[in-house]
Amino acid sequence: ALAAGVVLVACCPGGTASNIVSYMARADVPLSVLMTSVSTVGAVFMTPLLTKLLLAGTAVQVDGAAMLASTAQVVLVPVLLGSTLNSRFPRTVARVSVYTPAVAVLMVALVCAATVSRSVTSLGGAGAVGTVGAAGLKAAAPALLAALLVLHTGGFFLGYALSRGAGLRERVCRTNSIEVGMQNSTLGATLATLHFADPAVAAPAAISACMHSCLGSLLAAFWRRRDRARGD
C-alpha cells in the first residue's frame, strides 16, 4: 500500500506550490505556471496510464473535466488576476509586493496542512491504517521517508543538472528543477482516497507535501542567498 502511494505521488503533475517556490527562488514564474498547467492537463491521461503500468494493472480513474476546472481555478485565474492588477495598479502592487513573500510561505504551509488533513481523514484516525496497521506504518517509516527523499531530491537535481547541460538560462534551470522536484501531493491524496481501497495509500502523499515544500523552500533560500552574494 505504501509503495503504491509513492508511485501515485511520483505519477502526479507539478503542484501550484511550485509556482510559489519559483517566485521565492527568483526563477521564471510565467514558465513555472505554464509548466504546471500543461503537466496538470497532461495528467488527465498520463497519471492513470503511468500508475497502471507501474502498479502492474492497478487503474486510477481521473475526472478530466474536474481536473481542468481545478487548473483554471488554482493556476490560471490567479495569474491572470495578478497580471491585470499589476498592469492597472502598478504602484499599489509595488507597495503590496513587500509582503507577498511572507504570504506565499503561509500559503505553502496551508497547502501542506490541507494535504495532511485529507490523508489523516482518509486513514480514519491514528488507529485505522488499512492493511499496513499502525505498527507496520511505524516500521516502514524509514524506508518510506528515504523513498520520498530520493524522489524529490532526485527531481530537483536532475531538473537543474539536465537544464544546465542543455545550456539553458539560470532562471529556466531553477524553474525546471522546482517543477520536476515538486509534485501535486494534494491530487495524490485525493486519488488515493477515491480510487484505492486501502487508506494507507494516502500516507505517502501527506509526507510528500511537507517534504517537497520544505526542500523547495530551502533550495529557494539557497539560490536567493547566492544571488545576494553575487550582487544580483
C-alpha atoms as a PDB file:
ATOM      1  CA  ALA A   1       0.000   0.000   0.000  1.00  0.00           C
ATOM      2  CA  LEU A   2       2.788   2.439   0.858  1.00  0.00           C
ATOM      3  CA  ALA A   3       4.704   1.569  -2.312  1.00  0.00           C
ATOM      4  CA  ALA A   4       1.543   2.221  -4.299  1.00  0.00           C
ATOM      5  CA  GLY A   5       1.253   5.611  -2.596  1.00  0.00           C
ATOM      6  CA  VAL A   6       4.823   6.551  -3.533  1.00  0.00           C
ATOM      7  CA  VAL A   7       4.221   5.516  -7.152  1.00  0.00           C
ATOM      8  CA  LEU A   8       0.996   7.519  -7.239  1.00  0.00           C
ATOM      9  CA  VAL A   9       2.728  10.666  -5.951  1.00  0.00           C
ATOM     10  CA  ALA A  10       5.540  10.226  -8.482  1.00  0.00           C
ATOM     11  CA  CYS A  11       2.980   9.997 -11.298  1.00  0.00           C
ATOM     12  CA  CYS A  12       1.229  13.229 -10.299  1.00  0.00           C
ATOM     13  CA  PRO A  13       1.895  16.521 -12.113  1.00  0.00           C
ATOM     14  CA  GLY A  14       3.530  19.607 -10.672  1.00  0.00           C
ATOM     15  CA  GLY A  15       1.630  21.394  -7.939  1.00  0.00           C
ATOM     16  CA  THR A  16       0.748  25.048  -7.527  1.00  0.00           C
ATOM     17  CA  ALA A  17       3.168  25.274  -4.585  1.00  0.00           C
ATOM     18  CA  SER A  18       5.938  25.044  -7.187  1.00  0.00           C
ATOM     19  CA  ASN A  19       4.788  28.392  -8.598  1.00  0.00           C
ATOM     20  CA  ILE A  20       5.206  29.997  -5.179  1.00  0.00           C
ATOM     21  CA  VAL A  21       8.625  28.415  -4.664  1.00  0.00           C
ATOM     22  CA  SER A  22       9.667  29.570  -8.161  1.00  0.00           C
ATOM     23  CA  TYR A  23       8.735  33.109  -7.154  1.00  0.00           C
ATOM     24  CA  MET A  24      10.782  32.850  -3.960  1.00  0.00           C
ATOM     25  CA  ALA A  25      13.721  31.359  -5.903  1.00  0.00           C
ATOM     26  CA  ARG A  26      13.687  34.187  -8.451  1.00  0.00           C
ATOM     27  CA  ALA A  27      13.039  31.655 -11.187  1.00  0.00           C
ATOM     28  CA  ASP A  28      10.888  32.119 -14.289  1.00  0.00           C
ATOM     29  CA  VAL A  29       7.408  32.319 -12.736  1.00  0.00           C
ATOM     30  CA  PRO A  30       5.422  32.534 -16.023  1.00  0.00           C
ATOM     31  CA  LEU A  31       7.257  29.429 -17.243  1.00  0.00           C
ATOM     32  CA  SER A  32       6.522  27.705 -13.930  1.00  0.00           C
ATOM     33  CA  VAL A  33       2.808  28.469 -14.242  1.00  0.00           C
ATOM     34  CA  LEU A  34       2.794  27.245 -17.846  1.00  0.00           C
ATOM     35  CA  MET A  35       4.593  24.014 -16.914  1.00  0.00           C
ATOM     36  CA  THR A  36       2.212  23.388 -14.012  1.00  0.00           C
ATOM     37  CA  SER A  37      -0.808  23.974 -16.243  1.00  0.00           C
ATOM     38  CA  VAL A  38       0.458  21.779 -19.076  1.00  0.00           C
ATOM     39  CA  SER A  39       1.549  18.953 -16.772  1.00  0.00           C
ATOM     40  CA  THR A  40      -1.794  19.084 -14.957  1.00  0.00           C
ATOM     41  CA  VAL A  41      -3.735  18.875 -18.207  1.00  0.00           C
ATOM     42  CA  GLY A  42      -1.437  16.068 -19.364  1.00  0.00           C
ATOM     43  CA  ALA A  43      -2.014  14.289 -16.060  1.00  0.00           C
ATOM     44  CA  VAL A  44      -5.611  13.684 -17.106  1.00  0.00           C
ATOM     45  CA  PHE A  45      -4.200  10.974 -19.366  1.00  0.00           C
ATOM     46  CA  MET A  46      -0.695  10.288 -18.050  1.00  0.00           C
ATOM     47  CA  THR A  47      -1.355   9.806 -14.320  1.00  0.00           C
ATOM     48  CA  PRO A  48      -3.794   6.903 -14.871  1.00  0.00           C
ATOM     49  CA  LEU A  49      -1.550   5.426 -17.584  1.00  0.00           C
ATOM     50  CA  LEU A  50       1.698   5.594 -15.597  1.00  0.00           C
ATOM     51  CA  THR A  51       0.052   4.384 -12.418  1.00  0.00           C
ATOM     52  CA  LYS A  52      -1.466   1.435 -14.245  1.00  0.00           C
ATOM     53  CA  LEU A  53       1.863   0.498 -15.832  1.00  0.00           C
ATOM     54  CA  LEU A  54       3.960   0.878 -12.686  1.00  0.00           C
ATOM     55  CA  LEU A  55       1.455  -0.799 -10.399  1.00  0.00           C
ATOM     56  CA  ALA A  56       1.001  -3.816 -12.685  1.00  0.00           C
ATOM     57  CA  GLY A  57      -2.516  -3.105 -13.875  1.00  0.00           C
ATOM     58  CA  THR A  58      -3.922  -1.058 -10.995  1.00  0.00           C
ATOM     59  CA  ALA A  59      -6.056   1.532 -12.746  1.00  0.00           C
ATOM     60  CA  VAL A  60      -6.669   5.012 -11.380  1.00  0.00           C
ATOM     61  CA  GLN A  61      -9.513   6.898 -12.987  1.00  0.00           C
ATOM     62  CA  VAL A  62      -9.207  10.685 -13.151  1.00  0.00           C
ATOM     63  CA  ASP A  63     -12.065  13.110 -13.731  1.00  0.00           C
ATOM     64  CA  GLY A  64     -10.649  15.089 -16.649  1.00  0.00           C
ATOM     65  CA  ALA A  65     -13.246  17.863 -16.577  1.00  0.00           C
ATOM     66  CA  ALA A  66     -12.797  18.374 -12.843  1.00  0.00           C
ATOM     67  CA  MET A  67      -9.012  18.488 -13.201  1.00  0.00           C
ATOM     68  CA  LEU A  68      -9.214  21.067 -15.989  1.00  0.00           C
ATOM     69  CA  ALA A  69     -11.582  23.177 -13.887  1.00  0.00           C
ATOM     70  CA  SER A  70      -9.193  22.892 -10.942  1.00  0.00           C
ATOM     71  CA  THR A  71      -6.300  24.025 -13.129  1.00  0.00           C
ATOM     72  CA  ALA A  72      -8.214  27.121 -14.181  1.00  0.00           C
ATOM     73  CA  GLN A  73      -9.214  27.934 -10.613  1.00  0.00           C
ATOM     74  CA  VAL A  74      -5.903  27.474  -8.814  1.00  0.00           C
ATOM     75  CA  VAL A  75      -3.382  28.305 -11.545  1.00  0.00           C
ATOM     76  CA  LEU A  76      -4.674  30.363 -14.458  1.00  0.00           C
ATOM     77  CA  VAL A  77      -7.260  32.607 -12.784  1.00  0.00           C
ATOM     78  CA  PRO A  78      -4.931  33.896 -10.017  1.00  0.00           C
ATOM     79  CA  VAL A  79      -2.160  34.597 -12.527  1.00  0.00           C
ATOM     80  CA  LEU A  80      -4.474  36.451 -14.904  1.00  0.00           C
ATOM     81  CA  LEU A  81      -5.910  38.414 -11.993  1.00  0.00           C
ATOM     82  CA  GLY A  82      -2.440  39.292 -10.714  1.00  0.00           C
ATOM     83  CA  SER A  83      -1.272  40.354 -14.169  1.00  0.00           C
ATOM     84  CA  THR A  84      -4.330  42.562 -14.609  1.00  0.00           C
ATOM     85  CA  LEU A  85      -3.863  44.234 -11.235  1.00  0.00           C
ATOM     86  CA  ASN A  86      -0.143  44.736 -11.907  1.00  0.00           C
ATOM     87  CA  SER A  87      -0.809  46.406 -15.238  1.00  0.00           C
ATOM     88  CA  ARG A  88      -3.609  48.672 -13.987  1.00  0.00           C
ATOM     89  CA  PHE A  89      -2.393  49.474 -10.461  1.00  0.00           C
ATOM     90  CA  PRO A  90       1.421  49.178 -10.605  1.00  0.00           C
ATOM     91  CA  ARG A  91       2.119  51.494  -7.670  1.00  0.00           C
ATOM     92  CA  THR A  92      -0.298  49.721  -5.358  1.00  0.00           C
ATOM     93  CA  VAL A  93       1.084  46.345  -6.396  1.00  0.00           C
ATOM     94  CA  ALA A  94       4.630  47.545  -5.744  1.00  0.00           C
ATOM     95  CA  ARG A  95       3.700  48.511  -2.191  1.00  0.00           C
ATOM     96  CA  VAL A  96       1.853  45.245  -1.555  1.00  0.00           C
ATOM     97  CA  SER A  97       4.640  43.110  -3.045  1.00  0.00           C
ATOM     98  CA  VAL A  98       6.776  43.788   0.022  1.00  0.00           C
ATOM     99  CA  TYR A  99       4.518  41.452   1.982  1.00  0.00           C
ATOM    100  CA  THR A 100       3.796  38.835  -0.675  1.00  0.00           C
ATOM    101  CA  PRO A 101       6.787  36.551   0.087  1.00  0.00           C
ATOM    102  CA  ALA A 102       5.516  36.036   3.647  1.00  0.00           C
ATOM    103  CA  VAL A 103       2.012  35.409   2.329  1.00  0.00           C
ATOM    104  CA  ALA A 104       3.437  32.908  -0.172  1.00  0.00           C
ATOM    105  CA  VAL A 105       5.168  30.953   2.600  1.00  0.00           C
ATOM    106  CA  LEU A 106       1.910  30.919   4.574  1.00  0.00           C
ATOM    107  CA  MET A 107       0.036  29.597   1.547  1.00  0.00           C
ATOM    108  CA  VAL A 108       2.546  26.751   1.112  1.00  0.00           C
ATOM    109  CA  ALA A 109       2.044  25.841   4.775  1.00  0.00           C
ATOM    110  CA  LEU A 110      -1.730  25.816   4.288  1.00  0.00           C
ATOM    111  CA  VAL A 111      -1.414  23.574   1.224  1.00  0.00           C
ATOM    112  CA  CYS A 112       0.668  21.115   3.271  1.00  0.00           C
ATOM    113  CA  ALA A 113      -1.836  21.263   6.128  1.00  0.00           C
ATOM    114  CA  ALA A 114      -4.737  20.575   3.756  1.00  0.00           C
ATOM    115  CA  THR A 115      -2.985  17.540   2.278  1.00  0.00           C
ATOM    116  CA  VAL A 116      -2.062  16.123   5.678  1.00  0.00           C
ATOM    117  CA  SER A 117      -5.615  16.710   6.935  1.00  0.00           C
ATOM    118  CA  ARG A 118      -7.105  14.960   3.916  1.00  0.00           C
ATOM    119  CA  SER A 119      -4.781  11.988   4.348  1.00  0.00           C
ATOM    120  CA  VAL A 120      -5.423  11.674   8.093  1.00  0.00           C
ATOM    121  CA  THR A 121      -9.157  11.768   7.391  1.00  0.00           C
ATOM    122  CA  SER A 122      -8.809   9.019   4.804  1.00  0.00           C
ATOM    123  CA  LEU A 123      -6.832   6.927   7.277  1.00  0.00           C
ATOM    124  CA  GLY A 124      -9.711   7.204   9.709  1.00  0.00           C
ATOM    125  CA  GLY A 125      -7.546   8.441  12.565  1.00  0.00           C
ATOM    126  CA  ALA A 126      -4.440   7.011  14.190  1.00  0.00           C
ATOM    127  CA  GLY A 127      -5.909   3.563  14.735  1.00  0.00           C
ATOM    128  CA  ALA A 128      -7.106   2.718  11.229  1.00  0.00           C
ATOM    129  CA  VAL A 129      -4.375   2.436   8.611  1.00  0.00           C
ATOM    130  CA  GLY A 130      -5.717  -0.309   6.397  1.00  0.00           C
ATOM    131  CA  THR A 131      -3.705  -3.450   5.784  1.00  0.00           C
ATOM    132  CA  VAL A 132      -0.482  -1.785   6.923  1.00  0.00           C
ATOM    133  CA  GLY A 133      -1.506  -1.317  10.537  1.00  0.00           C
ATOM    134  CA  ALA A 134      -0.076   1.238  12.974  1.00  0.00           C
ATOM    135  CA  ALA A 135       2.924  -0.937  13.808  1.00  0.00           C
ATOM    136  CA  GLY A 136       3.610  -1.661  10.153  1.00  0.00           C
ATOM    137  CA  LEU A 137       3.392   2.021   9.262  1.00  0.00           C
ATOM    138  CA  LYS A 138       5.880   2.869  12.011  1.00  0.00           C
ATOM    139  CA  ALA A 139       8.256   0.103  10.915  1.00  0.00           C
ATOM    140  CA  ALA A 140       8.071   1.207   7.277  1.00  0.00           C
ATOM    141  CA  ALA A 141       8.615   4.892   8.090  1.00  0.00           C
ATOM    142  CA  PRO A 142      12.413   4.980   7.459  1.00  0.00           C
ATOM    143  CA  ALA A 143      12.093   3.286   4.076  1.00  0.00           C
ATOM    144  CA  LEU A 144       9.122   5.480   3.145  1.00  0.00           C
ATOM    145  CA  LEU A 145      10.952   8.671   4.096  1.00  0.00           C
ATOM    146  CA  ALA A 146      14.034   7.545   2.166  1.00  0.00           C
ATOM    147  CA  ALA A 147      11.978   6.747  -0.936  1.00  0.00           C
ATOM    148  CA  LEU A 148      10.276  10.148  -0.918  1.00  0.00           C
ATOM    149  CA  LEU A 149      13.572  11.914  -0.212  1.00  0.00           C
ATOM    150  CA  VAL A 150      15.165  10.233  -3.238  1.00  0.00           C
ATOM    151  CA  LEU A 151      12.104  11.054  -5.352  1.00  0.00           C
ATOM    152  CA  HIS A 152      12.145  14.767  -4.586  1.00  0.00           C
ATOM    153  CA  THR A 153      15.884  15.445  -4.270  1.00  0.00           C
ATOM    154  CA  GLY A 154      16.443  13.434  -7.441  1.00  0.00           C
ATOM    155  CA  GLY A 155      13.869  15.552  -9.209  1.00  0.00           C
ATOM    156  CA  PHE A 156      15.412  18.824  -8.026  1.00  0.00           C
ATOM    157  CA  PHE A 157      18.907  17.681  -9.002  1.00  0.00           C
ATOM    158  CA  LEU A 158      18.096  16.172 -12.390  1.00  0.00           C
ATOM    159  CA  GLY A 159      15.825  19.059 -13.353  1.00  0.00           C
ATOM    160  CA  TYR A 160      18.638  21.527 -12.747  1.00  0.00           C
ATOM    161  CA  ALA A 161      21.566  19.431 -13.980  1.00  0.00           C
ATOM    162  CA  LEU A 162      19.962  18.415 -17.281  1.00  0.00           C
ATOM    163  CA  SER A 163      18.859  22.005 -17.908  1.00  0.00           C
ATOM    164  CA  ARG A 164      22.385  23.286 -17.281  1.00  0.00           C
ATOM    165  CA  GLY A 165      23.746  20.600 -19.569  1.00  0.00           C
ATOM    166  CA  ALA A 166      21.370  21.790 -22.267  1.00  0.00           C
ATOM    167  CA  GLY A 167      22.732  25.336 -21.930  1.00  0.00           C
ATOM    168  CA  LEU A 168      19.519  26.929 -20.635  1.00  0.00           C
ATOM    169  CA  ARG A 169      19.434  30.196 -18.698  1.00  0.00           C
ATOM    170  CA  GLU A 170      19.843  30.088 -14.908  1.00  0.00           C
ATOM    171  CA  ARG A 171      16.240  31.151 -14.251  1.00  0.00           C
ATOM    172  CA  VAL A 172      14.942  28.422 -16.541  1.00  0.00           C
ATOM    173  CA  CYS A 173      17.209  25.854 -14.882  1.00  0.00           C
ATOM    174  CA  ARG A 174      15.801  26.788 -11.496  1.00  0.00           C
ATOM    175  CA  THR A 175      12.260  26.575 -12.815  1.00  0.00           C
ATOM    176  CA  ASN A 176      12.803  23.122 -14.302  1.00  0.00           C
ATOM    177  CA  SER A 177      14.411  21.951 -11.082  1.00  0.00           C
ATOM    178  CA  ILE A 178      11.455  23.087  -8.995  1.00  0.00           C
ATOM    179  CA  GLU A 179       8.815  21.776 -11.383  1.00  0.00           C
ATOM    180  CA  VAL A 180      10.425  18.332 -11.577  1.00  0.00           C
ATOM    181  CA  GLY A 181      11.135  18.125  -7.855  1.00  0.00           C
ATOM    182  CA  MET A 182       7.674  19.125  -6.610  1.00  0.00           C
ATOM    183  CA  GLN A 183       4.541  17.063  -7.245  1.00  0.00           C
ATOM    184  CA  ASN A 184       0.871  17.784  -6.647  1.00  0.00           C
ATOM    185  CA  SER A 185       0.636  15.755  -3.442  1.00  0.00           C
ATOM    186  CA  THR A 186      -2.874  17.029  -2.775  1.00  0.00           C
ATOM    187  CA  LEU A 187      -4.001  15.395  -6.015  1.00  0.00           C
ATOM    188  CA  GLY A 188      -2.181  12.228  -4.970  1.00  0.00           C
ATOM    189  CA  ALA A 189      -4.004  12.171  -1.646  1.00  0.00           C
ATOM    190  CA  THR A 190      -7.330  12.735  -3.385  1.00  0.00           C
ATOM    191  CA  LEU A 191      -6.778   9.945  -5.897  1.00  0.00           C
ATOM    192  CA  ALA A 192      -5.588   7.608  -3.148  1.00  0.00           C
ATOM    193  CA  THR A 193      -8.736   8.305  -1.139  1.00  0.00           C
ATOM    194  CA  LEU A 194     -11.120   7.913  -4.060  1.00  0.00           C
ATOM    195  CA  HIS A 195      -9.612   5.049  -6.020  1.00  0.00           C
ATOM    196  CA  PHE A 196      -7.736   2.792  -3.590  1.00  0.00           C
ATOM    197  CA  ALA A 197      -9.476   0.607  -1.035  1.00  0.00           C
ATOM    198  CA  ASP A 198      -6.542   0.703   1.379  1.00  0.00           C
ATOM    199  CA  PRO A 199      -6.406   4.100   3.173  1.00  0.00           C
ATOM    200  CA  ALA A 200      -2.659   3.690   3.819  1.00  0.00           C
ATOM    201  CA  VAL A 201      -2.040   4.591   0.151  1.00  0.00           C
ATOM    202  CA  ALA A 202      -2.716   8.217   1.098  1.00  0.00           C
ATOM    203  CA  ALA A 203       0.065   8.339   3.719  1.00  0.00           C
ATOM    204  CA  PRO A 204       2.965   8.986   1.283  1.00  0.00           C
ATOM    205  CA  ALA A 205       1.081  11.958  -0.201  1.00  0.00           C
ATOM    206  CA  ALA A 206       0.826  13.617   3.211  1.00  0.00           C
ATOM    207  CA  ILE A 207       4.541  13.172   3.881  1.00  0.00           C
ATOM    208  CA  SER A 208       5.414  14.239   0.341  1.00  0.00           C
ATOM    209  CA  ALA A 209       3.517  17.520   0.667  1.00  0.00           C
ATOM    210  CA  CYS A 210       5.590  18.557   3.653  1.00  0.00           C
ATOM    211  CA  MET A 211       8.876  17.186   2.321  1.00  0.00           C
ATOM    212  CA  HIS A 212       8.944  18.746  -1.139  1.00  0.00           C
ATOM    213  CA  SER A 213       7.689  22.097   0.154  1.00  0.00           C
ATOM    214  CA  CYS A 214      10.453  22.230   2.776  1.00  0.00           C
ATOM    215  CA  LEU A 215      13.126  21.078   0.322  1.00  0.00           C
ATOM    216  CA  GLY A 216      11.942  23.522  -2.324  1.00  0.00           C
ATOM    217  CA  SER A 217      11.885  26.399   0.155  1.00  0.00           C
ATOM    218  CA  LEU A 218      15.416  25.583   1.340  1.00  0.00           C
ATOM    219  CA  LEU A 219      16.598  25.447  -2.258  1.00  0.00           C
ATOM    220  CA  ALA A 220      14.944  28.789  -2.991  1.00  0.00           C
ATOM    221  CA  ALA A 221      16.621  30.317   0.072  1.00  0.00           C
ATOM    222  CA  PHE A 222      19.981  28.971  -1.101  1.00  0.00           C
ATOM    223  CA  TRP A 223      19.586  30.487  -4.552  1.00  0.00           C
ATOM    224  CA  ARG A 224      18.449  33.855  -3.172  1.00  0.00           C
ATOM    225  CA  ARG A 225      21.421  33.969  -0.786  1.00  0.00           C
ATOM    226  CA  ARG A 226      23.782  33.109  -3.622  1.00  0.00           C
ATOM    227  CA  ASP A 227      22.276  35.881  -5.738  1.00  0.00           C
ATOM    228  CA  ARG A 228      22.806  38.399  -2.931  1.00  0.00           C
ATOM    229  CA  ALA A 229      26.391  37.232  -2.504  1.00  0.00           C
ATOM    230  CA  ARG A 230      26.973  37.833  -6.208  1.00  0.00           C
ATOM    231  CA  GLY A 231      25.256  41.229  -6.050  1.00  0.00           C
ATOM    232  CA  ASP A 232      22.403  40.181  -8.347  1.00  0.00           C
END
